[in-house]
């Protein structure tokens, strides 16, 4: 069945790849995007990578009139529009809340007036805070926030009540939220608002909790984007990637191509899995230090990551995905291996211009007391 699809924020990194996937499966795609300068640069023009068959409407998700125009003739909505970044959210509170929370509310009011057949919302692993852990006795426990005094002593691991390190394990959807940043809170609100309104107005709705998404088309000059893009920006300017803490924190890095496929599957099975919030990751985990070294290697840079020994307020130690429920309900199976994808990423990075704004962003956080 051919669907008429709207992707909010669809001119960006994940949205443009999702558009490619949907077009390849015969769907019609419209995008609503405000071409935010932090993501798209000051020229704010249609990205070259956005497929010519995508209808782009330039507008803001907070603008009710723009949203109403974008929804005309649409039967499926992917809500990806959001400001992204833990660190920046801790001082740009009004902006993040306005775009993420109010933007979602404006969209949902439009959907109440003109319901669609299905809604998929991009949520985030950030809402988990610390992931799930196992103690020395084998008991599974949720990770607790690390205290400031512990962090000042550079004791990075999550500890049990006796002061012994806990062992991180994959985090399932049943792990209770622990909202450690304004960004995490706003993404949780986006997820809950969409699921709540979907249930109330009989719009089959699915929330997808993306883990650390990487791939081509990331905004390399945005210092608050994904860690791989930030590292790439540093390396392309012959600067070492800056790694907080000791670099041994573990994350799930998932290809944007697998994320786009998960979104498509959620659309296809929305009626069957309505009301669910599902993890979208690779099912594998790596240390941040390892990622920095691997990226330097594929870029041909003999540059060792710089371990800062600093902690950023809102950051967590370990969190990586248990994707068994997503496999079961959606038939999702990540296919892109990190090793292969890094080579593709390196090829795309050739010729890309990346303004290294990382030091400036770090200085902004430090000036506000958000790094230790």
Protein backbone atom coordinates (compact mmCIF):
# COMPACT_ATOMS: atom_id res chain seq x y z
CA UNK A 1 0.00 0.00 0.00
CA UNK A 2 1.35 3.41 -0.99
CA UNK A 3 1.24 5.91 1.86
CA UNK A 4 1.41 9.69 1.94
CA UNK A 5 3.97 10.36 4.65
CA UNK A 6 5.00 13.50 6.52
CA UNK A 7 8.37 13.58 8.30
CA UNK A 8 8.78 16.51 10.69
CA UNK A 9 12.46 17.45 10.86
CA UNK A 10 12.87 15.34 7.74
CA UNK A 11 15.60 17.41 6.08
CA UNK A 12 18.07 16.41 8.78
CA UNK A 13 20.34 13.45 9.35
CA UNK A 14 17.90 10.69 10.31
CA UNK A 15 14.89 12.15 8.50
CA UNK A 16 16.59 12.28 5.11
CA UNK A 17 17.69 8.64 5.36
CA UNK A 18 14.17 7.68 6.40
CA UNK A 19 12.84 9.54 3.35
CA UNK A 20 15.17 7.49 1.12
CA UNK A 21 13.91 4.25 2.67
CA UNK A 22 10.25 5.21 2.28
CA UNK A 23 10.71 6.33 -1.33
CA UNK A 24 12.44 3.04 -2.12
CA UNK A 25 9.32 1.24 -0.86
CA UNK A 26 7.00 3.27 -3.07
CA UNK A 27 5.65 5.80 -0.57
CA UNK A 28 5.14 9.54 -1.17
CA UNK A 29 7.17 11.71 1.19
CA UNK A 30 6.69 15.26 2.39
CA UNK A 31 9.05 16.96 4.83
CA UNK A 32 8.39 19.84 7.23
CA UNK A 33 11.67 21.37 8.41
CA UNK A 34 12.74 24.84 9.58
CA UNK A 35 16.33 24.27 8.33
CA UNK A 36 17.79 25.26 11.71
CA UNK A 37 21.14 27.06 11.14
CA UNK A 38 22.82 24.99 13.87
CA UNK A 39 22.14 21.92 11.74
CA UNK A 40 21.99 23.24 8.17
CA UNK A 41 24.22 26.32 8.26
CA UNK A 42 23.32 29.97 7.79
CA UNK A 43 22.33 29.62 4.13
CA UNK A 44 19.32 27.53 5.19
CA UNK A 45 18.86 26.01 1.76
CA UNK A 46 17.53 22.61 0.73
CA UNK A 47 20.23 20.02 1.51
CA UNK A 48 21.88 18.49 -1.56
CA UNK A 49 21.41 15.02 -0.09
CA UNK A 50 17.61 15.34 0.18
CA UNK A 51 16.10 13.27 -2.62
CA UNK A 52 14.52 15.31 -5.43
CA UNK A 53 11.30 13.31 -5.03
CA UNK A 54 10.85 14.60 -1.48
CA UNK A 55 8.44 17.52 -1.19
CA UNK A 56 10.09 20.01 1.21
CA UNK A 57 7.91 22.52 3.05
CA UNK A 58 10.05 24.97 4.98
CA UNK A 59 8.29 25.71 8.23
CA UNK A 60 8.41 25.30 11.98
CA UNK A 61 6.65 22.55 13.90
CA UNK A 62 5.62 25.21 16.44
CA UNK A 63 3.67 27.08 13.73
CA UNK A 64 0.13 25.70 13.69
CA UNK A 65 -0.56 27.04 10.18
CA UNK A 66 2.62 25.45 8.78
CA UNK A 67 1.74 22.14 10.45
CA UNK A 68 -1.81 22.21 9.08
CA UNK A 69 -0.52 22.82 5.54
CA UNK A 70 2.02 20.03 5.88
CA UNK A 71 -0.64 17.56 7.04
CA UNK A 72 -2.94 18.14 4.07
CA UNK A 73 -3.47 14.79 2.33
CA UNK A 74 -1.17 12.91 4.72
CA UNK A 75 -2.05 9.54 6.28
CA UNK A 76 1.17 8.76 8.21
CA UNK A 77 3.38 11.00 10.36
CA UNK A 78 6.93 10.48 11.59
CA UNK A 79 7.67 13.07 14.27
CA UNK A 80 11.43 13.61 14.28
CA UNK A 81 11.59 17.39 14.74
CA UNK A 82 13.58 18.20 17.89
CA UNK A 83 16.53 20.08 19.27
CA UNK A 84 19.21 17.51 20.10
CA UNK A 85 21.99 17.56 22.67
CA UNK A 86 22.36 16.87 26.38
CA UNK A 87 24.93 19.56 27.17
CA UNK A 88 23.29 22.48 25.38
CA UNK A 89 19.89 21.58 26.82
CA UNK A 90 21.20 22.28 30.31
CA UNK A 91 21.47 26.01 29.61
CA UNK A 92 19.20 26.56 26.56
CA UNK A 93 16.23 25.39 28.63
CA UNK A 94 13.60 27.62 27.05
CA UNK A 95 14.64 26.73 23.49
CA UNK A 96 14.70 22.96 24.06
CA UNK A 97 11.39 22.99 25.90
CA UNK A 98 9.80 25.22 23.29
CA UNK A 99 10.87 23.16 20.26
CA UNK A 100 10.56 19.68 21.72
CA UNK A 101 7.61 19.98 24.08
CA UNK A 102 5.50 22.78 22.57
CA UNK A 103 6.32 21.71 19.02
CA UNK A 104 4.95 18.25 19.80
CA UNK A 105 1.85 19.77 21.41
CA UNK A 106 1.16 21.89 18.30
CA UNK A 107 1.50 18.85 16.06
CA UNK A 108 -0.78 16.76 18.26
CA UNK A 109 -3.49 19.42 18.34
CA UNK A 110 -3.42 19.37 14.54
CA UNK A 111 -3.73 15.57 14.59
CA UNK A 112 -6.68 15.78 16.98
CA UNK A 113 -8.44 18.00 14.45
CA UNK A 114 -7.38 15.87 11.48
CA UNK A 115 -6.35 12.36 12.61
CA UNK A 116 -3.97 10.27 10.55
CA UNK A 117 -3.77 6.49 10.18
CA UNK A 118 -0.58 6.14 12.20
CA UNK A 119 2.09 8.11 14.08
CA UNK A 120 5.70 7.17 14.84
CA UNK A 121 7.64 9.42 17.24
CA UNK A 122 11.41 9.53 17.70
CA UNK A 123 12.22 9.05 21.37
CA UNK A 124 15.68 8.62 22.91
CA UNK A 125 17.81 6.33 25.05
CA UNK A 126 18.66 9.44 27.08
CA UNK A 127 15.44 9.03 29.05
CA UNK A 128 16.86 5.92 30.76
CA UNK A 129 19.64 7.91 32.42
CA UNK A 130 21.99 5.24 33.67
CA UNK A 131 21.37 1.84 32.11
CA UNK A 132 20.74 -1.47 33.82
CA UNK A 133 23.38 -3.19 35.97
CA UNK A 134 24.13 -6.43 37.83
CA UNK A 135 25.64 -6.47 41.31
CA UNK A 136 28.17 -8.94 42.71
CA UNK A 137 25.37 -11.21 43.92
CA UNK A 138 23.86 -11.38 40.42
CA UNK A 139 20.90 -9.14 41.24
CA UNK A 140 19.79 -6.83 38.41
CA UNK A 141 19.49 -3.22 39.55
CA UNK A 142 18.92 0.13 37.80
CA UNK A 143 21.97 2.36 37.77
CA UNK A 144 21.88 5.32 40.14
CA UNK A 145 23.26 8.79 39.49
CA UNK A 146 26.85 9.19 40.50
CA UNK A 147 27.31 11.75 43.26
CA UNK A 148 29.31 14.92 42.70
CA UNK A 149 31.84 14.02 45.37
CA UNK A 150 32.45 10.64 43.71
CA UNK A 151 32.98 12.33 40.36
CA UNK A 152 35.37 14.90 41.81
CA UNK A 153 37.47 11.96 43.01
CA UNK A 154 37.47 10.64 39.43
CA UNK A 155 35.67 7.46 40.46
CA UNK A 156 33.73 6.99 37.28
CA UNK A 157 31.93 3.66 37.66
CA UNK A 158 28.43 3.26 39.09
CA UNK A 159 28.78 1.75 42.58
CA UNK A 160 26.59 -0.37 44.82
CA UNK A 161 25.76 0.62 48.41
CA UNK A 162 29.00 -0.99 49.53
CA UNK A 163 31.11 1.06 47.13
CA UNK A 164 31.77 -1.80 44.68
CA UNK A 165 31.45 -1.25 40.92
CA UNK A 166 28.32 -2.63 39.25
CA UNK A 167 28.49 -4.49 35.94
CA UNK A 168 26.52 -2.89 33.06
CA UNK A 169 24.11 -5.10 31.11
CA UNK A 170 21.79 -4.38 28.15
CA UNK A 171 18.95 -2.01 29.01
CA UNK A 172 15.39 -3.13 28.16
CA UNK A 173 12.30 -0.95 27.79
CA UNK A 174 11.13 -1.98 31.28
CA UNK A 175 13.94 -0.01 32.91
CA UNK A 176 12.27 3.00 34.63
CA UNK A 177 13.17 6.43 33.24
CA UNK A 178 15.77 8.48 35.11
CA UNK A 179 15.74 11.90 33.49
CA UNK A 180 19.18 13.43 33.97
CA UNK A 181 19.01 16.34 31.49
CA UNK A 182 16.54 18.83 30.03
CA UNK A 183 16.94 17.03 26.70
CA UNK A 184 16.02 13.67 28.27
CA UNK A 185 12.99 15.21 29.96
CA UNK A 186 11.81 16.79 26.70
CA UNK A 187 12.19 13.53 24.76
CA UNK A 188 10.27 11.65 27.44
CA UNK A 189 7.52 14.27 27.17
CA UNK A 190 7.47 13.89 23.37
CA UNK A 191 7.11 10.13 23.72
CA UNK A 192 4.43 10.22 26.40
CA UNK A 193 2.40 12.98 24.74
CA UNK A 194 2.28 11.11 21.44
CA UNK A 195 1.36 7.78 23.02
CA UNK A 196 -1.27 9.42 25.22
CA UNK A 197 -2.97 11.34 22.41
CA UNK A 198 -2.67 8.38 20.07
CA UNK A 199 -4.52 6.21 22.57
CA UNK A 200 -7.18 8.83 23.29
CA UNK A 201 -7.95 9.55 19.62
CA UNK A 202 -7.45 6.04 18.22
CA UNK A 203 -4.31 6.92 16.24
CA UNK A 204 -2.00 3.87 16.28
CA UNK A 205 1.21 5.31 17.72
CA UNK A 206 4.67 3.83 18.27
CA UNK A 207 7.63 5.45 20.05
CA UNK A 208 11.15 4.42 19.01
CA UNK A 209 13.93 5.00 21.53
CA UNK A 210 17.00 5.65 19.39
CA UNK A 211 20.39 4.87 20.87
CA UNK A 212 23.58 6.51 19.50
CA UNK A 213 22.82 6.96 15.81
CA UNK A 214 25.68 7.54 13.38
CA UNK A 215 26.22 7.70 9.63
CA UNK A 216 26.53 10.04 6.69
CA UNK A 217 24.82 13.47 6.62
CA UNK A 218 25.35 14.32 10.27
CA UNK A 219 25.91 18.02 10.95
CA UNK A 220 29.69 18.05 11.41
CA UNK A 221 29.87 21.65 12.61
CA UNK A 222 27.24 21.17 15.33
CA UNK A 223 29.17 20.49 18.57
CA UNK A 224 26.06 19.06 20.25
CA UNK A 225 25.33 16.35 17.68
CA UNK A 226 26.25 12.65 17.93
CA UNK A 227 29.65 11.68 19.29
CA UNK A 228 30.92 10.20 16.02
CA UNK A 229 30.20 13.44 14.15
CA UNK A 230 31.89 15.44 16.90
CA UNK A 231 34.96 13.20 16.74
CA UNK A 232 34.97 13.47 12.94
CA UNK A 233 34.93 17.26 13.13
CA UNK A 234 37.96 17.22 15.41
CA UNK A 235 39.90 14.71 13.32
CA UNK A 236 39.18 16.46 10.01
CA UNK A 237 40.80 19.55 11.54
CA UNK A 238 43.76 17.46 12.78
CA UNK A 239 42.67 17.83 16.39
CA UNK A 240 42.32 14.94 18.85
CA UNK A 241 38.80 13.81 19.79
CA UNK A 242 38.03 14.98 23.33
CA UNK A 243 36.86 12.09 25.49
CA UNK A 244 35.26 12.83 28.86
CA UNK A 245 35.92 10.84 32.02
CA UNK A 246 38.33 7.97 31.22
CA UNK A 247 36.76 7.02 27.89
CA UNK A 248 35.57 3.63 29.13
CA UNK A 249 31.87 4.53 29.18
CA UNK A 250 29.89 2.14 27.00
CA UNK A 251 27.28 2.99 24.38
CA UNK A 252 25.28 1.28 21.64
CA UNK A 253 26.16 2.79 18.24
CA UNK A 254 23.55 2.07 15.58
CA UNK A 255 23.68 2.89 11.88
CA UNK A 256 21.20 5.45 10.58
CA UNK A 257 20.31 2.93 7.85
CA UNK A 258 19.13 0.44 10.48
CA UNK A 259 17.25 3.22 12.28
CA UNK A 260 15.44 4.16 9.06
CA UNK A 261 14.43 0.54 8.54
CA UNK A 262 13.14 0.30 12.13
CA UNK A 263 11.00 3.39 11.46
CA UNK A 264 9.56 1.81 8.33
CA UNK A 265 8.75 -1.40 10.18
CA UNK A 266 7.06 0.57 12.96
CA UNK A 267 4.88 2.28 10.37
CA UNK A 268 3.96 -1.01 8.72
CA UNK A 269 3.07 -2.67 12.05
CA UNK A 270 1.70 0.33 13.93
CA UNK A 271 -1.75 -1.15 14.40
CA UNK A 272 -0.29 -4.35 15.87
CA UNK A 273 2.13 -2.64 18.25
CA UNK A 274 0.26 0.59 19.04
CA UNK A 275 1.16 2.10 22.40
CA UNK A 276 4.62 0.53 22.54
CA UNK A 277 7.93 2.27 23.22
CA UNK A 278 10.73 0.24 21.62
CA UNK A 279 14.53 0.36 21.71
CA UNK A 280 16.34 0.87 18.41
CA UNK A 281 20.02 0.01 18.67
CA UNK A 282 22.58 -2.36 17.23
CA UNK A 283 22.53 -4.78 20.16
CA UNK A 284 26.31 -4.29 20.50
CA UNK A 285 28.30 -1.90 22.65
CA UNK A 286 31.66 -0.13 22.50
CA UNK A 287 33.62 2.24 24.69
CA UNK A 288 33.73 5.86 23.58
CA UNK A 289 37.54 5.71 23.56
CA UNK A 290 37.43 2.70 21.22
CA UNK A 291 35.13 4.59 18.84
CA UNK A 292 37.51 7.57 18.75
CA UNK A 293 40.45 5.32 17.92
CA UNK A 294 38.57 3.37 15.23
CA UNK A 295 37.41 6.54 13.50
CA UNK A 296 40.93 7.98 13.51
CA UNK A 297 42.20 4.77 11.95
CA UNK A 298 39.70 4.71 9.07
CA UNK A 299 40.39 8.40 8.40
CA UNK A 300 44.10 7.69 8.23
CA UNK A 301 44.83 10.02 11.15
CA UNK A 302 47.54 9.08 13.63
CA UNK A 303 45.84 11.07 16.35
CA UNK A 304 45.13 9.57 19.76
CA UNK A 305 41.94 10.73 21.51
CA UNK A 306 42.56 13.14 24.38
CA UNK A 307 41.12 11.90 27.66
CA UNK A 308 39.95 14.99 29.52
CA UNK A 309 39.19 13.42 32.89
CA UNK A 310 36.18 15.75 33.07
CA UNK A 311 32.52 15.05 33.74
CA UNK A 312 29.64 16.85 32.03
CA UNK A 313 26.44 17.40 34.03
CA UNK A 314 23.67 15.23 32.56
CA UNK A 315 26.03 12.54 31.25
CA UNK A 316 25.71 8.92 32.31
CA UNK A 317 28.28 6.13 32.58
CA UNK A 318 26.89 3.13 30.68
CA UNK A 319 23.75 2.54 28.64
CA UNK A 320 23.33 0.15 25.72
CA UNK A 321 20.30 -1.48 24.17
CA UNK A 322 18.44 -4.71 24.74
CA UNK A 323 16.65 -4.97 21.37
CA UNK A 324 14.92 -8.32 21.92
CA UNK A 325 11.43 -6.76 22.17
CA UNK A 326 11.93 -4.76 18.97
CA UNK A 327 13.11 -7.90 17.21
CA UNK A 328 10.04 -9.77 18.40
CA UNK A 329 7.41 -7.14 17.66
CA UNK A 330 8.77 -5.49 14.51
CA UNK A 331 10.96 -8.18 13.00
CA UNK A 332 13.80 -5.66 13.28
CA UNK A 333 17.30 -6.97 12.69
CA UNK A 334 20.25 -4.54 12.53
CA UNK A 335 22.28 -5.35 9.44
CA UNK A 336 25.02 -2.71 9.32
CA UNK A 337 28.28 -3.61 11.02
CA UNK A 338 30.22 -0.79 12.65
CA UNK A 339 33.42 -1.72 10.83
CA UNK A 340 31.81 -1.48 7.38
CA UNK A 341 29.87 1.65 8.22
CA UNK A 342 32.93 3.52 9.48
CA UNK A 343 34.60 2.95 6.11
CA UNK A 344 31.54 4.34 4.33
CA UNK A 345 31.50 7.27 6.75
CA UNK A 346 35.17 7.97 6.07
CA UNK A 347 34.53 8.01 2.31
CA UNK A 348 31.70 10.50 2.77
CA UNK A 349 33.83 12.68 5.04
CA UNK A 350 36.37 13.20 2.25
CA UNK A 351 35.81 16.72 1.00
CA UNK A 352 33.36 17.64 3.78
CA UNK A 353 33.94 20.96 5.52
CA UNK A 354 33.74 20.73 9.29
CA UNK A 355 34.09 23.78 11.51
CA UNK A 356 35.51 22.57 14.82
CA UNK A 357 33.28 24.23 17.43
CA UNK A 358 33.95 21.66 20.14
CA UNK A 359 36.29 23.81 22.25
CA UNK A 360 33.83 26.69 22.13
CA UNK A 361 30.99 24.43 23.26
CA UNK A 362 33.18 23.03 26.07
CA UNK A 363 33.99 26.56 27.20
CA UNK A 364 30.30 27.44 27.31
CA UNK A 365 29.57 24.44 29.51
CA UNK A 366 32.53 25.19 31.78
CA UNK A 367 31.53 28.84 32.19
CA UNK A 368 28.12 27.69 33.46
CA UNK A 369 29.59 25.17 35.89
CA UNK A 370 28.30 22.23 33.86
CA UNK A 371 31.62 20.39 33.70
CA UNK A 372 33.56 19.04 36.66
